[in-house]
Amino acid sequence: MVHVFFQDMIITVNNHRHSWVNGKKVSYPIMPKDGVSVSYTNEAVIVEKMSAMRLTYTHTEGIVLSISRGLTDKVCGACGNFNEVTADDITTSDGRNSSIMSVVISSWPAQDFFTCV
């Protein structure tokens, strides 16, 4: 299951390619807010926020996250902080570096979203 958090919206996608916006199941395609879309194509669920962020989730290939340069040092989570310093990207939610991805990912449960700066 994948959770994508925006300031006033949570988009959840499960491994059966079903999605929810703020806890309500949705059908594809949907634009729950101006500039945010959730769609399904080629066995993938795609969550996009304008041209700033694109998350592609497939059951077989996992997650691919693409973000624009305008979000440099403005994101946090298991994928890193995008501050152009790769050495601090594999970091737990409490700031510890770890080479074990399962430790990093499990430290970022959904309720930790509000610890992001």
N, C-alpha and C. Protein backbone atom coordinates (compact mmCIF):
# COMPACT_ATOMS: atom_id res chain seq x y z
N MET A 1 0.84 -1.18 0.00
CA MET A 1 0.00 0.00 0.00
C MET A 1 0.89 1.24 0.00
N VAL A 2 0.46 2.24 -0.75
CA VAL A 2 1.21 3.48 -0.87
C VAL A 2 0.31 4.63 -0.44
N HIS A 3 0.87 5.53 0.36
CA HIS A 3 0.15 6.74 0.78
C HIS A 3 0.90 7.93 0.22
N VAL A 4 0.19 8.83 -0.46
CA VAL A 4 0.78 10.07 -0.97
C VAL A 4 0.08 11.21 -0.23
N PHE A 5 0.87 12.02 0.47
CA PHE A 5 0.32 13.10 1.28
C PHE A 5 0.56 14.44 0.62
N PHE A 6 -0.50 15.21 0.54
CA PHE A 6 -0.41 16.61 0.15
C PHE A 6 -0.90 17.40 1.36
N GLN A 7 -0.81 18.70 1.35
CA GLN A 7 -1.18 19.49 2.52
C GLN A 7 -2.59 19.19 3.01
N ASP A 8 -3.54 19.02 2.14
CA ASP A 8 -4.93 18.82 2.56
C ASP A 8 -5.55 17.56 1.96
N MET A 9 -4.72 16.61 1.57
CA MET A 9 -5.24 15.43 0.90
C MET A 9 -4.31 14.24 1.09
N ILE A 10 -4.91 13.07 1.28
CA ILE A 10 -4.16 11.82 1.34
C ILE A 10 -4.71 10.92 0.23
N ILE A 11 -3.82 10.45 -0.63
CA ILE A 11 -4.20 9.52 -1.68
C ILE A 11 -3.55 8.18 -1.35
N THR A 12 -4.36 7.14 -1.30
CA THR A 12 -3.89 5.80 -0.96
C THR A 12 -4.13 4.88 -2.15
N VAL A 13 -3.14 4.05 -2.46
CA VAL A 13 -3.25 3.06 -3.53
C VAL A 13 -2.84 1.72 -2.95
N ASN A 14 -3.66 0.69 -3.16
CA ASN A 14 -3.27 -0.62 -2.66
C ASN A 14 -2.71 -1.49 -3.78
N ASN A 15 -2.27 -2.69 -3.44
CA ASN A 15 -1.62 -3.54 -4.43
C ASN A 15 -2.61 -4.18 -5.41
N HIS A 16 -3.90 -3.90 -5.24
CA HIS A 16 -4.91 -4.34 -6.22
C HIS A 16 -5.29 -3.20 -7.15
N ARG A 17 -4.53 -2.12 -7.08
CA ARG A 17 -4.70 -0.93 -7.92
C ARG A 17 -6.00 -0.18 -7.65
N HIS A 18 -6.49 -0.27 -6.41
CA HIS A 18 -7.63 0.53 -5.98
C HIS A 18 -7.09 1.77 -5.27
N SER A 19 -7.82 2.88 -5.38
CA SER A 19 -7.36 4.13 -4.76
C SER A 19 -8.44 4.77 -3.91
N TRP A 20 -7.98 5.52 -2.93
CA TRP A 20 -8.84 6.29 -2.05
C TRP A 20 -8.29 7.70 -1.95
N VAL A 21 -9.18 8.67 -1.88
CA VAL A 21 -8.79 10.06 -1.64
C VAL A 21 -9.46 10.47 -0.34
N ASN A 22 -8.65 10.84 0.64
CA ASN A 22 -9.15 11.20 1.97
C ASN A 22 -10.10 10.13 2.51
N GLY A 23 -9.75 8.87 2.29
CA GLY A 23 -10.51 7.76 2.84
C GLY A 23 -11.70 7.30 2.02
N LYS A 24 -12.01 7.96 0.91
CA LYS A 24 -13.14 7.57 0.08
C LYS A 24 -12.65 6.93 -1.21
N LYS A 25 -13.16 5.73 -1.48
CA LYS A 25 -12.74 5.00 -2.69
C LYS A 25 -13.13 5.80 -3.93
N VAL A 26 -12.23 5.82 -4.92
CA VAL A 26 -12.46 6.58 -6.15
C VAL A 26 -12.30 5.69 -7.36
N SER A 27 -12.87 6.14 -8.47
CA SER A 27 -12.72 5.47 -9.78
C SER A 27 -11.79 6.32 -10.62
N TYR A 28 -11.12 5.67 -11.56
CA TYR A 28 -10.17 6.36 -12.43
C TYR A 28 -10.84 6.84 -13.71
N PRO A 29 -10.37 7.86 -14.32
CA PRO A 29 -9.45 8.86 -13.77
C PRO A 29 -10.21 9.83 -12.87
N ILE A 30 -9.49 10.48 -11.97
CA ILE A 30 -10.11 11.46 -11.08
C ILE A 30 -9.14 12.62 -10.87
N MET A 31 -9.70 13.80 -10.73
CA MET A 31 -8.92 14.98 -10.39
C MET A 31 -9.53 15.52 -9.10
N PRO A 32 -9.05 15.00 -7.93
CA PRO A 32 -9.67 15.37 -6.66
C PRO A 32 -9.47 16.83 -6.26
N LYS A 33 -8.51 17.46 -6.86
CA LYS A 33 -8.21 18.86 -6.57
C LYS A 33 -7.56 19.43 -7.82
N ASP A 34 -7.75 20.70 -8.05
CA ASP A 34 -7.15 21.33 -9.22
C ASP A 34 -5.64 21.07 -9.24
N GLY A 35 -5.16 20.49 -10.31
CA GLY A 35 -3.73 20.22 -10.45
C GLY A 35 -3.29 18.86 -9.95
N VAL A 36 -4.18 18.08 -9.32
CA VAL A 36 -3.84 16.75 -8.81
C VAL A 36 -4.71 15.74 -9.55
N SER A 37 -4.08 14.70 -10.08
CA SER A 37 -4.84 13.67 -10.77
C SER A 37 -4.39 12.28 -10.35
N VAL A 38 -5.33 11.34 -10.44
CA VAL A 38 -5.05 9.93 -10.18
C VAL A 38 -5.64 9.18 -11.36
N SER A 39 -4.80 8.38 -12.01
CA SER A 39 -5.25 7.65 -13.19
C SER A 39 -4.67 6.24 -13.20
N TYR A 40 -5.18 5.44 -14.11
CA TYR A 40 -4.72 4.06 -14.26
C TYR A 40 -4.44 3.81 -15.73
N THR A 41 -3.22 3.38 -16.03
CA THR A 41 -2.85 3.08 -17.40
C THR A 41 -1.73 2.05 -17.42
N ASN A 42 -1.79 1.14 -18.37
CA ASN A 42 -0.73 0.13 -18.55
C ASN A 42 -0.36 -0.58 -17.24
N GLU A 43 -1.38 -1.03 -16.51
CA GLU A 43 -1.18 -1.76 -15.25
C GLU A 43 -0.55 -0.92 -14.15
N ALA A 44 -0.57 0.40 -14.27
CA ALA A 44 0.02 1.27 -13.26
C ALA A 44 -0.98 2.33 -12.81
N VAL A 45 -0.90 2.66 -11.52
CA VAL A 45 -1.65 3.79 -10.99
C VAL A 45 -0.68 4.96 -10.97
N ILE A 46 -1.14 6.09 -11.49
CA ILE A 46 -0.28 7.27 -11.57
C ILE A 46 -0.93 8.39 -10.77
N VAL A 47 -0.18 8.94 -9.82
CA VAL A 47 -0.61 10.10 -9.04
C VAL A 47 0.27 11.25 -9.47
N GLU A 48 -0.35 12.34 -9.93
CA GLU A 48 0.42 13.49 -10.41
C GLU A 48 -0.06 14.76 -9.75
N LYS A 49 0.88 15.62 -9.45
CA LYS A 49 0.55 16.96 -9.01
C LYS A 49 1.20 17.92 -10.00
N MET A 50 0.33 18.46 -10.87
CA MET A 50 0.78 19.31 -11.97
C MET A 50 2.01 18.68 -12.61
N SER A 51 3.02 19.44 -12.87
CA SER A 51 4.25 18.85 -13.42
C SER A 51 5.32 18.75 -12.34
N ALA A 52 4.95 18.94 -11.08
CA ALA A 52 5.93 18.95 -10.00
C ALA A 52 6.27 17.56 -9.47
N MET A 53 5.29 16.62 -9.49
CA MET A 53 5.51 15.32 -8.90
C MET A 53 4.69 14.27 -9.64
N ARG A 54 5.31 13.12 -9.88
CA ARG A 54 4.61 12.00 -10.51
C ARG A 54 5.04 10.72 -9.81
N LEU A 55 4.06 10.00 -9.26
CA LEU A 55 4.31 8.72 -8.63
C LEU A 55 3.63 7.66 -9.47
N THR A 56 4.40 6.67 -9.90
CA THR A 56 3.87 5.55 -10.67
C THR A 56 4.01 4.30 -9.81
N TYR A 57 2.90 3.60 -9.61
CA TYR A 57 2.89 2.41 -8.75
C TYR A 57 2.36 1.21 -9.52
N THR A 58 3.19 0.17 -9.62
CA THR A 58 2.75 -1.09 -10.20
C THR A 58 3.01 -2.19 -9.19
N HIS A 59 2.18 -3.20 -9.24
CA HIS A 59 2.34 -4.32 -8.32
C HIS A 59 3.65 -5.07 -8.58
N THR A 60 4.08 -5.14 -9.82
CA THR A 60 5.28 -5.92 -10.15
C THR A 60 6.57 -5.10 -10.07
N GLU A 61 6.51 -3.82 -10.41
CA GLU A 61 7.73 -3.02 -10.45
C GLU A 61 7.90 -2.09 -9.25
N GLY A 62 6.88 -1.94 -8.44
CA GLY A 62 6.97 -1.09 -7.27
C GLY A 62 6.67 0.36 -7.57
N ILE A 63 7.41 1.26 -6.94
CA ILE A 63 7.14 2.68 -7.01
C ILE A 63 8.27 3.41 -7.74
N VAL A 64 7.88 4.31 -8.63
CA VAL A 64 8.83 5.22 -9.26
C VAL A 64 8.32 6.62 -8.96
N LEU A 65 9.15 7.44 -8.34
CA LEU A 65 8.78 8.80 -7.98
C LEU A 65 9.66 9.76 -8.75
N SER A 66 9.02 10.68 -9.46
CA SER A 66 9.74 11.72 -10.19
C SER A 66 9.26 13.06 -9.67
N ILE A 67 10.20 13.93 -9.31
CA ILE A 67 9.82 15.25 -8.83
C ILE A 67 10.66 16.31 -9.53
N SER A 68 10.10 17.50 -9.63
CA SER A 68 10.78 18.58 -10.35
C SER A 68 11.83 19.24 -9.46
N ARG A 69 12.74 19.93 -10.07
CA ARG A 69 13.78 20.66 -9.35
C ARG A 69 13.20 21.69 -8.38
N GLY A 70 12.00 22.18 -8.68
CA GLY A 70 11.35 23.16 -7.81
C GLY A 70 11.05 22.62 -6.42
N LEU A 71 11.09 21.31 -6.24
CA LEU A 71 10.83 20.71 -4.93
C LEU A 71 12.11 20.33 -4.19
N THR A 72 13.24 20.81 -4.67
CA THR A 72 14.51 20.53 -3.99
C THR A 72 14.43 20.91 -2.52
N ASP A 73 14.73 19.95 -1.65
CA ASP A 73 14.76 20.12 -0.20
C ASP A 73 13.38 20.46 0.39
N LYS A 74 12.30 20.10 -0.32
CA LYS A 74 10.95 20.38 0.18
C LYS A 74 10.13 19.11 0.35
N VAL A 75 10.76 17.95 0.27
CA VAL A 75 10.06 16.68 0.45
C VAL A 75 10.76 15.88 1.53
N CYS A 76 10.06 14.88 2.05
CA CYS A 76 10.69 13.97 3.01
C CYS A 76 10.02 12.62 2.88
N GLY A 77 10.65 11.61 3.42
CA GLY A 77 10.09 10.27 3.39
C GLY A 77 11.14 9.24 3.04
N ALA A 78 10.67 8.03 2.80
CA ALA A 78 11.57 6.92 2.53
C ALA A 78 12.37 7.10 1.25
N CYS A 79 11.93 7.97 0.35
CA CYS A 79 12.66 8.20 -0.90
C CYS A 79 13.73 9.27 -0.76
N GLY A 80 13.85 9.89 0.40
CA GLY A 80 14.86 10.91 0.63
C GLY A 80 14.27 12.30 0.68
N ASN A 81 15.15 13.29 0.79
CA ASN A 81 14.70 14.67 0.94
C ASN A 81 14.96 15.52 -0.30
N PHE A 82 15.61 14.95 -1.29
CA PHE A 82 15.84 15.62 -2.58
C PHE A 82 16.56 16.95 -2.41
N ASN A 83 17.64 16.90 -1.61
CA ASN A 83 18.43 18.11 -1.41
C ASN A 83 19.74 18.08 -2.19
N GLU A 84 19.84 17.15 -3.13
CA GLU A 84 21.02 16.95 -3.98
C GLU A 84 22.24 16.41 -3.24
N VAL A 85 22.04 15.91 -2.00
CA VAL A 85 23.10 15.24 -1.24
C VAL A 85 22.63 13.80 -1.05
N THR A 86 23.11 12.91 -1.90
CA THR A 86 22.63 11.52 -1.85
C THR A 86 23.02 10.80 -0.56
N ALA A 87 24.03 11.25 0.12
CA ALA A 87 24.49 10.60 1.34
C ALA A 87 23.45 10.63 2.45
N ASP A 88 22.54 11.60 2.44
CA ASP A 88 21.54 11.66 3.51
C ASP A 88 20.14 11.22 3.06
N ASP A 89 20.05 10.58 1.90
CA ASP A 89 18.74 10.17 1.41
C ASP A 89 18.22 8.89 2.05
N ILE A 90 19.07 7.98 2.43
CA ILE A 90 18.61 6.74 3.06
C ILE A 90 18.65 6.97 4.57
N THR A 91 17.59 7.66 5.04
CA THR A 91 17.53 8.11 6.42
C THR A 91 16.18 7.73 7.02
N THR A 92 16.20 7.31 8.28
CA THR A 92 14.95 6.99 8.97
C THR A 92 14.22 8.29 9.31
N SER A 93 12.97 8.17 9.73
CA SER A 93 12.17 9.35 10.02
C SER A 93 12.74 10.17 11.18
N ASP A 94 13.56 9.56 12.03
CA ASP A 94 14.18 10.32 13.12
C ASP A 94 15.59 10.80 12.78
N GLY A 95 15.96 10.71 11.49
CA GLY A 95 17.22 11.29 11.02
C GLY A 95 18.44 10.40 11.04
N ARG A 96 18.30 9.13 11.38
CA ARG A 96 19.45 8.22 11.39
C ARG A 96 19.69 7.65 10.00
N ASN A 97 20.95 7.60 9.58
CA ASN A 97 21.30 6.95 8.31
C ASN A 97 21.26 5.45 8.50
N SER A 98 20.82 4.74 7.47
CA SER A 98 20.76 3.29 7.53
C SER A 98 20.97 2.75 6.13
N SER A 99 21.72 1.67 6.04
CA SER A 99 21.92 1.04 4.74
C SER A 99 20.89 -0.07 4.52
N ILE A 100 20.01 -0.29 5.50
CA ILE A 100 19.01 -1.33 5.41
C ILE A 100 17.68 -0.69 5.03
N MET A 101 17.27 -0.88 3.78
CA MET A 101 16.06 -0.22 3.27
C MET A 101 14.81 -0.58 4.06
N SER A 102 14.69 -1.82 4.54
CA SER A 102 13.49 -2.19 5.29
C SER A 102 13.41 -1.40 6.59
N VAL A 103 14.54 -1.06 7.18
CA VAL A 103 14.55 -0.23 8.39
C VAL A 103 14.11 1.18 8.06
N VAL A 104 14.62 1.72 6.96
CA VAL A 104 14.25 3.07 6.54
C VAL A 104 12.77 3.15 6.22
N ILE A 105 12.27 2.24 5.41
CA ILE A 105 10.87 2.28 4.99
C ILE A 105 9.94 2.09 6.17
N SER A 106 10.22 1.15 7.04
CA SER A 106 9.32 0.91 8.18
C SER A 106 9.32 2.07 9.18
N SER A 107 10.31 2.93 9.13
CA SER A 107 10.35 4.08 10.05
C SER A 107 9.48 5.23 9.58
N TRP A 108 8.93 5.13 8.36
CA TRP A 108 8.11 6.19 7.78
C TRP A 108 6.65 5.77 7.65
N PRO A 109 5.99 5.33 8.73
CA PRO A 109 4.57 4.99 8.60
C PRO A 109 3.75 6.26 8.34
N ALA A 110 2.55 6.08 7.88
CA ALA A 110 1.72 7.22 7.47
C ALA A 110 1.58 8.29 8.54
N GLN A 111 1.45 7.92 9.81
CA GLN A 111 1.24 8.93 10.83
C GLN A 111 2.46 9.83 11.02
N ASP A 112 3.62 9.47 10.48
CA ASP A 112 4.82 10.30 10.61
C ASP A 112 4.84 11.46 9.61
N PHE A 113 3.84 11.57 8.76
CA PHE A 113 3.81 12.63 7.76
C PHE A 113 3.97 13.99 8.37
N PHE A 114 3.37 14.25 9.52
CA PHE A 114 3.40 15.57 10.09
C PHE A 114 4.74 15.95 10.72
N THR A 115 5.70 15.01 10.74
CA THR A 115 7.04 15.36 11.21
C THR A 115 7.88 15.97 10.09
N CYS A 116 7.36 15.93 8.85
CA CYS A 116 8.08 16.53 7.72
C CYS A 116 8.06 18.03 7.87
N VAL A 117 9.17 18.66 7.45
CA VAL A 117 9.27 20.11 7.54
C VAL A 117 8.58 20.74 6.36
